N, C-alpha and C. Protein backbone atom coordinates (compact mmCIF):
# COMPACT_ATOMS: atom_id res chain seq x y z
N MET A 1 -24.79 9.38 61.86
CA MET A 1 -25.58 10.07 61.19
C MET A 1 -25.22 9.91 59.44
N PRO A 2 -26.10 9.80 58.61
CA PRO A 2 -25.67 9.54 57.18
C PRO A 2 -25.12 10.92 56.61
N SER A 3 -24.32 10.86 55.72
CA SER A 3 -23.46 12.05 55.23
C SER A 3 -24.29 12.86 54.35
N ASP A 4 -25.38 12.26 53.56
CA ASP A 4 -26.12 13.03 52.56
C ASP A 4 -27.34 13.89 53.36
N SER A 5 -27.76 14.77 52.72
CA SER A 5 -28.96 15.35 53.34
C SER A 5 -30.32 14.80 53.51
N GLN A 6 -30.39 13.65 52.81
CA GLN A 6 -31.78 12.97 52.80
C GLN A 6 -31.72 11.86 54.06
N PRO A 7 -32.78 11.90 54.83
CA PRO A 7 -32.60 10.77 55.90
C PRO A 7 -32.70 9.65 55.41
N ASN A 8 -32.25 8.69 56.10
CA ASN A 8 -32.18 7.22 56.06
C ASN A 8 -33.64 6.62 55.87
N THR A 9 -33.88 6.17 54.54
CA THR A 9 -35.07 5.58 54.15
C THR A 9 -35.23 4.16 54.65
N GLN A 10 -34.16 3.71 55.16
CA GLN A 10 -34.38 2.21 55.72
C GLN A 10 -34.82 2.13 57.09
N GLY A 11 -35.29 3.35 57.71
CA GLY A 11 -35.94 3.26 59.02
C GLY A 11 -35.23 4.21 59.90
N ALA A 12 -35.68 4.41 61.15
CA ALA A 12 -35.17 5.24 62.03
C ALA A 12 -34.29 4.41 63.01
N ASP A 13 -33.87 3.05 62.87
CA ASP A 13 -33.27 2.46 63.79
C ASP A 13 -32.09 3.06 64.25
N TRP A 14 -31.22 3.71 63.41
CA TRP A 14 -29.94 4.36 63.64
C TRP A 14 -30.14 5.58 64.59
N LEU A 15 -31.37 6.26 64.42
CA LEU A 15 -31.72 7.40 65.27
C LEU A 15 -31.84 6.86 66.58
N GLU A 16 -32.82 5.83 66.67
CA GLU A 16 -33.08 5.36 68.08
C GLU A 16 -31.86 4.80 68.66
N ALA A 17 -30.99 4.27 67.97
CA ALA A 17 -29.70 3.85 68.51
C ALA A 17 -28.74 4.97 69.14
N ALA A 18 -28.93 5.99 68.40
CA ALA A 18 -27.98 7.28 68.81
C ALA A 18 -28.74 7.68 70.01
N VAL A 19 -29.92 7.99 70.10
CA VAL A 19 -30.71 8.44 71.19
C VAL A 19 -30.31 7.42 72.30
N ASP A 20 -30.41 6.29 72.22
CA ASP A 20 -30.00 5.36 73.38
C ASP A 20 -28.54 5.46 73.89
N GLN A 21 -27.77 5.83 72.90
CA GLN A 21 -26.20 5.97 73.26
C GLN A 21 -26.16 7.29 73.97
N ALA A 22 -26.83 8.31 73.42
CA ALA A 22 -26.65 9.51 74.20
C ALA A 22 -27.18 9.58 75.71
N ILE A 23 -28.42 8.84 75.77
CA ILE A 23 -28.97 8.85 77.27
C ILE A 23 -28.06 8.01 78.09
N ALA A 24 -27.50 6.84 77.32
CA ALA A 24 -26.50 6.13 78.22
C ALA A 24 -25.27 6.74 78.69
N ALA A 25 -24.84 7.52 77.68
CA ALA A 25 -23.50 8.29 77.94
C ALA A 25 -23.76 9.38 79.14
N SER A 26 -25.03 9.67 79.28
CA SER A 26 -25.28 10.58 80.50
C SER A 26 -25.69 10.03 81.63
N GLY A 27 -25.65 8.72 81.72
CA GLY A 27 -26.03 8.02 83.21
C GLY A 27 -27.58 7.86 83.11
N GLY A 28 -28.36 7.93 81.98
CA GLY A 28 -29.74 7.89 82.05
C GLY A 28 -30.52 9.08 82.48
N ASP A 29 -29.52 10.27 82.69
CA ASP A 29 -30.31 11.61 83.06
C ASP A 29 -30.54 12.18 81.88
N MET A 30 -31.95 12.71 81.73
CA MET A 30 -32.19 13.22 80.43
C MET A 30 -32.12 14.76 80.25
N ARG A 31 -31.85 15.30 81.48
CA ARG A 31 -31.43 16.98 81.62
C ARG A 31 -30.03 16.87 81.26
N SER A 32 -29.07 16.03 81.73
CA SER A 32 -27.77 16.01 81.25
C SER A 32 -27.63 15.70 79.79
N THR A 33 -28.41 14.82 79.26
CA THR A 33 -28.13 14.42 77.88
C THR A 33 -28.71 15.57 76.89
N ILE A 34 -29.68 16.31 77.39
CA ILE A 34 -30.23 17.45 76.64
C ILE A 34 -29.19 18.65 76.61
N ARG A 35 -28.55 18.84 77.91
CA ARG A 35 -27.54 19.86 78.22
C ARG A 35 -26.26 19.59 77.26
N ALA A 36 -25.82 18.29 77.18
CA ALA A 36 -24.60 17.76 76.48
C ALA A 36 -24.92 18.15 75.06
N LEU A 37 -26.20 17.84 74.61
CA LEU A 37 -26.45 18.05 73.05
C LEU A 37 -26.45 19.57 72.60
N ILE A 38 -27.08 20.25 73.66
CA ILE A 38 -27.14 21.74 73.48
C ILE A 38 -25.58 22.34 73.47
N VAL A 39 -24.92 21.87 74.29
CA VAL A 39 -23.49 22.33 74.19
C VAL A 39 -22.81 22.03 72.78
N ALA A 40 -22.85 20.65 72.60
CA ALA A 40 -22.26 20.08 71.36
C ALA A 40 -22.96 20.76 70.05
N ASN A 41 -24.09 21.27 70.08
CA ASN A 41 -24.70 22.04 69.03
C ASN A 41 -23.98 23.43 68.94
N GLU A 42 -23.94 24.18 70.12
CA GLU A 42 -23.35 25.49 70.09
C GLU A 42 -21.93 25.37 69.50
N TYR A 43 -21.16 24.34 70.12
CA TYR A 43 -19.93 24.16 69.56
C TYR A 43 -19.68 24.09 68.17
N LEU A 44 -20.58 23.20 67.62
CA LEU A 44 -20.34 23.01 66.24
C LEU A 44 -21.01 24.18 65.37
N GLY A 45 -21.80 24.90 65.90
CA GLY A 45 -22.36 26.27 65.14
C GLY A 45 -21.18 27.05 65.26
N SER A 46 -20.38 27.33 66.18
CA SER A 46 -19.19 28.14 66.44
C SER A 46 -18.24 27.76 65.39
N GLU A 47 -17.95 26.43 65.26
CA GLU A 47 -17.02 25.97 64.31
C GLU A 47 -17.45 26.21 62.82
N VAL A 48 -18.64 25.98 62.56
CA VAL A 48 -19.16 26.55 61.06
C VAL A 48 -18.93 27.78 60.80
N SER A 49 -19.33 28.82 61.75
CA SER A 49 -19.16 30.23 61.69
C SER A 49 -17.70 30.63 61.47
N GLU A 50 -16.88 29.99 62.28
CA GLU A 50 -15.32 30.30 62.16
C GLU A 50 -14.97 29.73 60.58
N LEU A 51 -15.32 28.69 60.36
CA LEU A 51 -14.85 28.00 58.91
C LEU A 51 -15.56 28.91 57.63
N MET A 52 -16.68 29.45 58.07
CA MET A 52 -17.37 30.28 56.93
C MET A 52 -16.38 31.76 56.91
N LYS A 53 -16.10 32.22 58.17
CA LYS A 53 -15.30 33.22 58.00
C LYS A 53 -13.98 33.12 57.41
N ALA A 54 -13.30 31.97 57.62
CA ALA A 54 -12.02 31.71 57.11
C ALA A 54 -12.10 31.51 55.39
N ILE A 55 -13.14 30.89 55.04
CA ILE A 55 -13.25 30.74 53.74
C ILE A 55 -13.66 31.97 52.94
N SER A 56 -14.47 32.79 53.49
CA SER A 56 -14.83 34.12 52.94
C SER A 56 -13.42 35.03 52.94
N HIS A 57 -12.68 34.98 54.06
CA HIS A 57 -11.37 35.86 53.93
C HIS A 57 -10.58 35.17 52.97
N ALA A 58 -10.35 33.83 52.73
CA ALA A 58 -9.58 33.41 51.64
C ALA A 58 -10.07 33.60 50.43
N TYR A 59 -11.26 33.72 50.06
CA TYR A 59 -11.82 33.94 48.86
C TYR A 59 -11.67 35.50 48.46
N VAL A 60 -11.82 36.46 49.59
CA VAL A 60 -11.50 37.74 49.25
C VAL A 60 -10.00 37.91 48.87
N ARG A 61 -9.16 37.21 49.43
CA ARG A 61 -7.71 37.40 49.09
C ARG A 61 -7.38 36.48 47.78
N GLY A 62 -8.18 36.00 47.32
CA GLY A 62 -7.96 35.23 45.86
C GLY A 62 -7.26 33.87 46.33
N ARG A 63 -7.29 33.43 47.44
CA ARG A 63 -6.76 32.05 47.87
C ARG A 63 -7.62 30.82 47.66
N PHE A 64 -8.88 31.23 47.38
CA PHE A 64 -9.96 30.02 47.25
C PHE A 64 -10.43 30.35 45.89
N GLN A 65 -10.14 29.07 45.14
CA GLN A 65 -10.75 29.36 43.81
C GLN A 65 -12.04 28.31 43.65
N THR A 66 -13.04 29.12 42.82
CA THR A 66 -14.14 28.24 42.54
C THR A 66 -14.09 27.40 41.34
N TYR A 67 -14.64 26.34 41.31
CA TYR A 67 -14.64 25.40 40.17
C TYR A 67 -15.84 25.37 39.49
N LEU A 68 -16.14 26.11 38.48
CA LEU A 68 -17.39 26.09 37.65
C LEU A 68 -17.18 25.53 36.50
């Protein structure tokens, strides 16, 4: 997936390839694919939440400097 927030303007070939890989990794079972993606999304969401808490805690304690 591209690192910037803008979608790839060269087409959706990378997305189709990623979909094919996800389905193949689940043995072609669509329900397993969707289940795995939901679990991965939940995990990443919890990681983001924990990182936001850590950054907020560090900021309050003066350990995080903003660069303006």
